[in-house]
Amino acid sequence: MPLERIRFIDEPELDLEGQRVFVRVDFNVPLDKKSGAVVDDERIRAALPTLKHIADAGAKLVLASHLGRPKGKRNSAYDMEAVGTRLSELTGWDVHMPEDLVGDGPLKVISDLRPGRVCLLENLRFDPGEEKNDPSFAKQLAALCDYYVNDAFGAAHRAHASVDALPRLMRERFMGLLMRSEVQALEQIVKNPAKPFVAILGGAKVADKLGVIERLLGKCTTLCIGGAMGNTLLAAQGADLRASRVEQGELARGRSLLARASEFGVELLLPSDVVVAESPEASTGEAVSISAIPAGQMALDVGPATLEAFAARIEQAKTVFWNGPMGLFENPAFAAGTLGLARALANSAAYSVIGGGDSAAAVRRAGAEVVEKIGFISTGGGAALELCEGRNLPGIESLRMPG
């Protein structure tokens, strides 16, 4: 059971007043390359209910996150200043930011905090001990706090020091409100989904999602696959995808997957048409059937007939899980399939869960009126997939109390 023997930060009898509460958040947000400002603050907003709950209880908030891939070294391109600025704008809080990540500097800042105030530590990945899950680095972090809370579902599948080693050092360790809602929403998908249950998978690599597909085959009514994943499975059936991206080394596993779907009695829908062009940078594309892709051209989105077929299954569904775009949606010329799918979900009466990553970004790009009609949008792509696959996530297991 994912939530068995786990304590939650909103326990009614929990007294946090004056306590130093370390919250592992996922503020790994995109920054503008020129200005350095936060481009998408959704992950910051998602953590606010947990942070406000703790602040209102009179605790001293100690926030920590990674940002980008600085490779264990201080790098100004990945410092937390812009994140702290955006957090302050969203909350009205004064966000104190010590220069150092651990040691006397942050200890002094945290000691001087008044109850309900906030300290945001520097990028965790500036220290090589974070990604190495180094116990000595975890001990330095533990010196900064009395209580530990993990609300970073997007990092829960990483066995890093702030996610795994640190909570195991803390007697008082808890799950945050966001992380609990993530786990509960995804559990609903993989445990006992209302049927018809439609699973939609896209993105680049079949190999990355084979485990999830295997798990979903035992649960879903229909499995719709698009994007480059769809290309590979179509090639496994013998289709000529011309210059399209295809994982040649996965064709045998693709054929096995198709056979497994048949054994489970699951309807597996692949694209019947695609939008093609000569390169991903093209400004326009042309919809053609799978059997009529011109030489030298590549599939960069699902076509209108495929979108119509996928949308028809969504309309009949009671539960829908979606992870992975249908094409290169970052280019407007190849966004119609992905954005159309988001709108079909918004118009459906089904309980819908978006499995984070690019799918979540695509739904937000489709507009606020689409976002508000989705049942749950996860903040963690990789973590969501691993949980759906049935794996134990370090960020959950490290919170589990003995017994």
Protein backbone atom coordinates (compact mmCIF):
# COMPACT_ATOMS: atom_id res chain seq x y z
CA MET A 1 0.00 0.00 0.00
CA PRO A 2 1.63 3.31 -1.09
CA LEU A 3 0.36 5.31 1.93
CA GLU A 4 0.56 2.63 4.61
CA ARG A 5 2.42 3.72 7.79
CA ILE A 6 2.94 7.25 6.50
CA ARG A 7 2.16 10.36 8.52
CA PHE A 8 0.76 13.53 6.96
CA ILE A 9 1.64 17.11 7.77
CA ASP A 10 -2.01 18.06 8.39
CA GLU A 11 -2.44 15.67 11.32
CA PRO A 12 -4.87 17.54 13.62
CA GLU A 13 -2.85 17.07 16.80
CA LEU A 14 0.49 18.09 15.30
CA ASP A 15 2.03 21.16 16.98
CA LEU A 16 4.43 22.89 14.59
CA GLU A 17 4.71 26.25 16.33
CA GLY A 18 8.32 27.41 16.47
CA GLN A 19 9.61 24.20 14.87
CA ARG A 20 12.08 24.25 11.97
CA VAL A 21 10.21 22.37 9.23
CA PHE A 22 12.27 21.27 6.22
CA VAL A 23 10.05 20.89 3.15
CA ARG A 24 11.48 19.14 0.11
CA VAL A 25 9.62 20.89 -2.70
CA ASP A 26 9.85 20.47 -6.46
CA PHE A 27 10.65 23.95 -7.70
CA ASN A 28 12.47 22.62 -10.77
CA VAL A 29 10.78 25.16 -13.02
CA PRO A 30 11.75 26.46 -16.46
CA LEU A 31 13.61 29.78 -16.56
CA ASP A 32 13.77 32.30 -19.38
CA LYS A 33 17.20 32.01 -21.01
CA LYS A 34 17.61 35.78 -21.35
CA SER A 35 16.01 37.27 -18.25
CA GLY A 36 16.38 34.28 -15.93
CA ALA A 37 12.77 34.74 -14.73
CA VAL A 38 10.45 31.82 -14.03
CA VAL A 39 8.53 30.93 -17.21
CA ASP A 40 6.04 28.43 -15.73
CA ASP A 41 5.25 28.63 -12.00
CA GLU A 42 2.79 25.73 -11.84
CA ARG A 43 5.01 23.60 -9.60
CA ILE A 44 5.46 26.50 -7.17
CA ARG A 45 1.71 27.10 -7.06
CA ALA A 46 1.03 23.39 -6.52
CA ALA A 47 3.12 23.40 -3.31
CA LEU A 48 1.44 26.45 -1.77
CA PRO A 49 -1.33 24.62 0.16
CA THR A 50 1.31 22.63 2.07
CA LEU A 51 3.54 25.65 2.65
CA LYS A 52 0.68 27.87 3.82
CA HIS A 53 -0.57 25.16 6.17
CA ILE A 54 2.86 24.92 7.81
CA ALA A 55 3.39 28.69 7.92
CA ASP A 56 -0.06 29.25 9.43
CA ALA A 57 0.84 26.72 12.15
CA GLY A 58 3.67 29.04 13.23
CA ALA A 59 6.60 26.95 11.99
CA LYS A 60 9.84 28.20 10.49
CA LEU A 61 9.75 27.05 6.88
CA VAL A 62 12.99 25.70 5.41
CA LEU A 63 12.45 25.00 1.70
CA ALA A 64 14.78 23.00 -0.52
CA SER A 65 14.67 21.99 -4.18
CA HIS A 66 16.86 21.12 -7.10
CA LEU A 67 16.84 23.19 -10.29
CA GLY A 68 18.21 21.92 -13.58
CA ARG A 69 21.40 19.89 -13.90
CA PRO A 70 24.35 21.86 -12.47
CA LYS A 71 26.33 18.58 -12.04
CA GLY A 72 27.30 19.04 -8.40
CA LYS A 73 28.83 22.50 -8.83
CA ARG A 74 27.65 26.04 -8.10
CA ASN A 75 26.38 27.57 -11.33
CA SER A 76 24.67 30.96 -11.42
CA ALA A 77 22.45 29.80 -14.29
CA TYR A 78 20.76 27.41 -11.84
CA ASP A 79 20.64 29.39 -8.60
CA MET A 80 17.33 29.75 -6.77
CA GLU A 81 17.05 33.54 -6.83
CA ALA A 82 14.36 33.70 -9.53
CA VAL A 83 12.39 30.96 -7.77
CA GLY A 84 12.53 32.82 -4.47
CA THR A 85 11.37 35.99 -6.19
CA ARG A 86 8.39 34.23 -7.76
CA LEU A 87 7.47 32.54 -4.48
CA SER A 88 7.49 35.93 -2.78
CA GLU A 89 5.31 37.42 -5.54
CA LEU A 90 2.77 34.59 -5.21
CA THR A 91 2.56 34.67 -1.41
CA GLY A 92 3.61 38.11 -0.21
CA TRP A 93 6.21 36.42 2.01
CA ASP A 94 9.72 37.69 2.61
CA VAL A 95 11.82 34.79 1.35
CA HIS A 96 15.24 34.65 3.01
CA MET A 97 17.93 33.06 0.85
CA PRO A 98 21.29 32.23 2.48
CA GLU A 99 24.28 32.11 0.15
CA ASP A 100 25.38 28.66 1.32
CA LEU A 101 23.35 25.47 1.14
CA VAL A 102 24.45 23.99 4.48
CA GLY A 103 26.57 25.08 7.45
CA ASP A 104 26.69 28.15 9.67
CA GLY A 105 25.18 30.56 7.12
CA PRO A 106 21.78 28.88 6.72
CA LEU A 107 21.79 27.83 10.38
CA LYS A 108 21.99 31.50 11.39
CA VAL A 109 19.31 32.57 8.89
CA ILE A 110 16.93 29.84 10.08
CA SER A 111 17.62 30.58 13.75
CA ASP A 112 16.72 34.24 13.19
CA LEU A 113 13.46 33.45 11.36
CA ARG A 114 10.29 34.48 13.12
CA PRO A 115 7.48 31.87 13.25
CA GLY A 116 5.67 31.62 9.93
CA ARG A 117 8.64 32.98 7.97
CA VAL A 118 10.50 31.33 5.09
CA CYS A 119 14.05 30.35 4.19
CA LEU A 120 14.73 29.00 0.70
CA LEU A 121 18.01 27.08 0.50
CA GLU A 122 20.28 27.22 -2.52
CA ASN A 123 20.01 24.57 -5.27
CA LEU A 124 20.45 21.13 -3.70
CA ARG A 125 22.31 19.87 -6.74
CA PHE A 126 25.10 22.40 -6.20
CA ASP A 127 26.40 19.80 -3.74
CA PRO A 128 27.51 16.48 -5.32
CA GLY A 129 26.23 14.69 -2.22
CA GLU A 130 22.62 15.30 -3.25
CA GLU A 131 22.55 13.05 -6.32
CA LYS A 132 24.92 10.56 -4.67
CA ASN A 133 22.48 10.14 -1.75
CA ASP A 134 25.46 10.90 0.51
CA PRO A 135 24.67 10.26 4.22
CA SER A 136 27.11 12.98 5.35
CA PHE A 137 25.37 15.59 3.19
CA ALA A 138 22.02 14.37 4.55
CA LYS A 139 23.32 14.90 8.10
CA GLN A 140 24.25 18.48 7.24
CA LEU A 141 20.71 19.06 5.98
CA ALA A 142 19.26 17.37 9.08
CA ALA A 143 21.08 19.92 11.26
CA LEU A 144 18.85 22.62 9.75
CA CYS A 145 15.53 21.17 10.86
CA ASP A 146 13.36 19.49 13.48
CA TYR A 147 10.68 18.12 11.13
CA TYR A 148 10.89 16.80 7.57
CA VAL A 149 8.15 16.99 4.91
CA ASN A 150 8.34 15.66 1.37
CA ASP A 151 5.98 17.42 -1.03
CA ALA A 152 8.14 16.91 -4.14
CA PHE A 153 6.33 14.18 -6.03
CA GLY A 154 8.24 15.09 -9.19
CA ALA A 155 11.46 13.99 -7.45
CA ALA A 156 10.01 11.04 -5.52
CA HIS A 157 11.50 8.47 -7.90
CA ARG A 158 15.06 9.74 -7.26
CA ALA A 159 17.11 8.16 -4.45
CA HIS A 160 18.81 11.46 -3.66
CA ALA A 161 19.95 12.72 -0.26
CA SER A 162 17.08 15.16 0.32
CA VAL A 163 14.54 12.55 -0.79
CA ASP A 164 15.91 9.31 0.69
CA ALA A 165 18.81 9.61 3.16
CA LEU A 166 17.57 12.73 4.98
CA PRO A 167 14.07 11.57 5.96
CA ARG A 168 15.51 8.30 7.25
CA LEU A 169 17.51 10.38 9.76
CA MET A 170 14.41 12.20 11.00
CA ARG A 171 12.06 10.85 13.63
CA GLU A 172 9.43 13.42 12.64
CA ARG A 173 8.85 12.85 8.94
CA PHE A 174 5.69 13.52 6.97
CA MET A 175 4.12 13.59 3.51
CA GLY A 176 2.84 16.91 2.18
CA LEU A 177 -0.62 17.65 0.85
CA LEU A 178 0.39 17.78 -2.82
CA MET A 179 2.26 14.50 -2.71
CA ARG A 180 -0.66 12.78 -0.99
CA SER A 181 -3.10 14.00 -3.65
CA GLU A 182 -0.71 12.79 -6.39
CA VAL A 183 -0.47 9.30 -4.93
CA GLN A 184 -4.21 9.03 -4.32
CA ALA A 185 -5.10 10.15 -7.85
CA LEU A 186 -2.68 7.71 -9.48
CA GLU A 187 -3.75 4.89 -7.16
CA GLN A 188 -7.30 5.38 -8.40
CA ILE A 189 -6.03 4.79 -11.93
CA VAL A 190 -4.03 1.61 -11.30
CA LYS A 191 -6.07 -0.06 -8.57
CA ASN A 192 -9.74 0.00 -9.45
CA PRO A 193 -10.56 2.39 -12.30
CA ALA A 194 -14.17 2.77 -13.39
CA LYS A 195 -14.64 1.23 -16.84
CA PRO A 196 -14.51 1.80 -19.74
CA PHE A 197 -10.92 2.83 -18.88
CA VAL A 198 -8.96 4.45 -21.72
CA ALA A 199 -5.18 4.85 -21.43
CA ILE A 200 -3.43 7.19 -23.86
CA LEU A 201 0.35 7.08 -24.23
CA GLY A 202 2.61 9.14 -26.41
CA GLY A 203 6.07 10.63 -26.43
CA ALA A 204 9.31 9.45 -27.92
CA LYS A 205 10.28 6.03 -26.59
CA VAL A 206 8.43 2.74 -26.29
CA ALA A 207 11.26 1.42 -24.10
CA ASP A 208 10.58 4.05 -21.41
CA LYS A 209 6.96 2.98 -21.03
CA LEU A 210 6.93 -0.78 -21.53
CA GLY A 211 6.49 -1.41 -17.79
CA VAL A 212 3.54 0.97 -17.59
CA ILE A 213 1.95 -0.53 -20.69
CA GLU A 214 2.23 -4.03 -19.20
CA ARG A 215 0.53 -2.85 -16.00
CA LEU A 216 -2.21 -0.97 -17.85
CA LEU A 217 -3.02 -3.91 -20.11
CA GLY A 218 -4.46 -5.69 -17.10
CA LYS A 219 -6.68 -2.72 -16.26
CA CYS A 220 -7.70 -0.75 -19.34
CA THR A 221 -10.41 -1.25 -21.94
CA THR A 222 -8.66 0.66 -24.73
CA LEU A 223 -5.02 1.68 -25.16
CA CYS A 224 -4.36 4.56 -27.58
CA ILE A 225 -0.74 5.13 -28.60
CA GLY A 226 0.55 8.07 -30.60
CA GLY A 227 3.70 10.13 -31.01
CA ALA A 228 7.00 8.45 -31.89
CA MET A 229 5.88 5.48 -29.76
CA GLY A 230 3.09 4.97 -32.27
CA ASN A 231 5.62 5.08 -35.11
CA THR A 232 7.61 2.23 -33.59
CA LEU A 233 4.55 0.03 -33.08
CA LEU A 234 3.32 0.75 -36.60
CA ALA A 235 6.75 -0.21 -37.93
CA ALA A 236 6.50 -3.41 -35.87
CA GLN A 237 3.35 -4.17 -37.85
CA GLY A 238 5.25 -3.67 -41.08
CA ALA A 239 4.34 -0.06 -41.97
CA ASP A 240 6.91 2.05 -43.83
CA LEU A 241 7.32 5.22 -41.76
CA ARG A 242 9.86 6.68 -44.20
CA ALA A 243 12.02 9.28 -42.37
CA SER A 244 9.96 9.17 -39.17
CA ARG A 245 11.57 8.48 -35.82
CA VAL A 246 11.40 4.74 -35.14
CA GLU A 247 13.17 2.74 -32.42
CA GLN A 248 14.54 -0.03 -34.66
CA GLY A 249 15.88 -1.95 -31.68
CA GLU A 250 12.41 -2.16 -30.12
CA LEU A 251 10.48 -3.69 -33.03
CA ALA A 252 10.51 -7.22 -31.61
CA ARG A 253 9.30 -5.97 -28.23
CA GLY A 254 6.69 -3.91 -30.05
CA ARG A 255 5.32 -7.03 -31.75
CA SER A 256 5.26 -8.79 -28.39
CA LEU A 257 3.33 -5.87 -26.90
CA LEU A 258 0.75 -6.01 -29.68
CA ALA A 259 0.30 -9.72 -29.07
CA ARG A 260 -0.07 -9.16 -25.32
CA ALA A 261 -2.81 -6.59 -25.89
CA SER A 262 -4.68 -9.15 -27.95
CA GLU A 263 -4.27 -11.76 -25.20
CA PHE A 264 -5.72 -9.36 -22.62
CA GLY A 265 -8.62 -8.46 -24.92
CA VAL A 266 -7.58 -4.81 -24.90
CA GLU A 267 -8.41 -2.66 -27.90
CA LEU A 268 -5.12 -1.12 -29.03
CA LEU A 269 -5.49 1.90 -31.31
CA LEU A 270 -2.54 3.18 -33.35
CA PRO A 271 -2.56 6.18 -35.70
CA SER A 272 -4.33 5.64 -39.01
CA ASP A 273 -3.07 8.98 -40.32
CA VAL A 274 -0.29 11.40 -39.42
CA VAL A 275 0.82 14.95 -40.13
CA VAL A 276 4.11 14.88 -42.03
CA ALA A 277 6.85 17.29 -43.06
CA GLU A 278 10.51 17.14 -44.09
CA SER A 279 11.82 18.32 -40.71
CA PRO A 280 10.68 19.20 -37.18
CA GLU A 281 11.41 22.86 -37.96
CA ALA A 282 8.86 22.98 -40.80
CA SER A 283 6.18 25.69 -40.53
CA THR A 284 3.42 23.56 -42.07
CA GLY A 285 2.53 19.88 -42.36
CA GLU A 286 0.26 17.67 -44.41
CA ALA A 287 -2.11 14.99 -43.11
CA VAL A 288 -1.69 11.65 -44.92
CA SER A 289 -2.65 8.05 -44.23
CA ILE A 290 -0.04 5.76 -42.71
CA SER A 291 0.26 3.93 -46.02
CA ALA A 292 0.92 7.12 -47.98
CA ILE A 293 3.80 8.87 -46.21
CA PRO A 294 5.95 10.47 -48.94
CA ALA A 295 9.61 9.52 -49.21
CA GLY A 296 11.89 11.72 -47.14
CA GLN A 297 9.07 12.92 -44.88
CA MET A 298 8.46 12.20 -41.21
CA ALA A 299 5.40 11.86 -38.98
CA LEU A 300 5.32 14.75 -36.49
CA ASP A 301 1.73 14.58 -35.21
CA VAL A 302 -1.29 12.32 -35.35
CA GLY A 303 -3.76 13.17 -38.09
CA PRO A 304 -7.41 14.28 -37.81
CA ALA A 305 -8.85 10.78 -38.34
CA THR A 306 -6.69 9.41 -35.54
CA LEU A 307 -7.68 12.25 -33.23
CA GLU A 308 -11.33 11.59 -34.01
CA ALA A 309 -10.93 7.89 -33.19
CA PHE A 310 -9.12 8.60 -29.90
CA ALA A 311 -11.71 11.27 -28.96
CA ALA A 312 -14.55 8.81 -29.61
CA ARG A 313 -13.08 6.37 -27.06
CA ILE A 314 -12.61 9.22 -24.57
CA GLU A 315 -16.26 10.21 -24.98
CA GLN A 316 -17.34 6.68 -23.99
CA ALA A 317 -14.88 6.35 -21.10
CA LYS A 318 -15.44 6.65 -17.35
CA THR A 319 -11.71 6.84 -16.57
CA VAL A 320 -8.87 8.23 -18.73
CA PHE A 321 -5.11 8.29 -18.06
CA TRP A 322 -2.88 10.24 -20.44
CA ASN A 323 0.91 10.47 -20.52
CA GLY A 324 2.93 11.73 -23.46
CA PRO A 325 2.17 14.11 -26.37
CA MET A 326 0.83 12.95 -29.72
CA GLY A 327 3.50 14.82 -31.63
CA LEU A 328 5.93 17.72 -31.64
CA PHE A 329 3.41 20.04 -29.96
CA GLU A 330 6.06 22.69 -29.20
CA ASN A 331 5.84 23.58 -32.92
CA PRO A 332 2.34 24.99 -33.64
CA ALA A 333 2.35 23.20 -37.00
CA PHE A 334 2.30 19.86 -35.18
CA ALA A 335 0.25 20.69 -32.08
CA ALA A 336 -3.28 19.95 -33.30
CA GLY A 337 -3.30 16.31 -32.23
CA THR A 338 -2.03 16.92 -28.71
CA LEU A 339 -4.15 20.02 -28.07
CA GLY A 340 -7.19 18.35 -29.63
CA LEU A 341 -6.76 15.42 -27.27
CA ALA A 342 -6.63 17.82 -24.30
CA ARG A 343 -9.89 19.43 -25.43
CA ALA A 344 -11.53 16.02 -25.87
CA LEU A 345 -10.60 15.18 -22.28
CA ALA A 346 -12.02 18.49 -21.06
CA ASN A 347 -15.32 17.76 -22.83
CA SER A 348 -15.54 14.24 -21.40
CA ALA A 349 -17.47 13.21 -18.30
CA ALA A 350 -14.71 10.72 -17.45
CA TYR A 351 -12.41 11.07 -14.45
CA SER A 352 -9.16 12.11 -16.15
CA VAL A 353 -5.60 12.02 -14.85
CA ILE A 354 -2.72 13.61 -16.74
CA GLY A 355 0.59 11.93 -15.92
CA GLY A 356 2.76 15.03 -15.71
CA GLY A 357 5.64 16.06 -17.96
CA ASP A 358 4.90 17.23 -21.49
CA SER A 359 1.26 16.13 -21.23
CA ALA A 360 0.70 18.55 -18.35
CA ALA A 361 2.44 21.32 -20.30
CA ALA A 362 0.24 20.60 -23.32
CA VAL A 363 -2.95 20.75 -21.28
CA ARG A 364 -1.95 24.13 -19.87
CA ARG A 365 -1.15 25.33 -23.37
CA ALA A 366 -4.69 24.36 -24.40
CA GLY A 367 -6.00 27.02 -22.01
CA ALA A 368 -7.39 27.57 -18.53
CA GLU A 369 -10.85 26.42 -19.60
CA VAL A 370 -9.33 23.02 -20.44
CA VAL A 371 -7.21 22.77 -17.29
CA GLU A 372 -10.14 23.39 -14.97
CA LYS A 373 -12.08 20.46 -16.45
CA ILE A 374 -9.32 17.86 -15.96
CA GLY A 375 -9.71 15.60 -12.92
CA PHE A 376 -6.06 15.69 -11.84
CA ILE A 377 -2.84 16.95 -13.42
CA SER A 378 0.29 15.38 -11.94
CA THR A 379 3.44 17.45 -11.39
CA GLY A 380 5.71 14.43 -11.85
CA GLY A 381 6.09 12.71 -15.21
CA GLY A 382 8.74 10.09 -14.37
CA ALA A 383 7.44 9.55 -10.85
CA ALA A 384 3.87 9.17 -12.12
CA LEU A 385 4.94 6.52 -14.63
CA GLU A 386 6.96 4.56 -12.08
CA LEU A 387 4.10 4.60 -9.58
CA CYS A 388 1.68 3.40 -12.27
CA GLU A 389 4.19 0.71 -13.14
CA GLY A 390 4.02 -0.54 -9.56
CA ARG A 391 7.53 0.44 -8.50
CA ASN A 392 8.41 1.56 -4.98
CA LEU A 393 9.44 5.21 -5.04
CA PRO A 394 12.30 6.24 -2.71
CA GLY A 395 10.50 9.45 -1.78
CA ILE A 396 7.54 7.45 -0.48
CA GLU A 397 9.38 4.53 1.05
CA SER A 398 11.68 6.80 3.08
CA LEU A 399 8.62 8.34 4.78
CA ARG A 400 7.23 5.02 5.91
CA MET A 401 7.35 4.53 9.66
CA PRO A 402 8.62 1.23 11.15
CA GLY A 403 6.14 -1.45 12.11
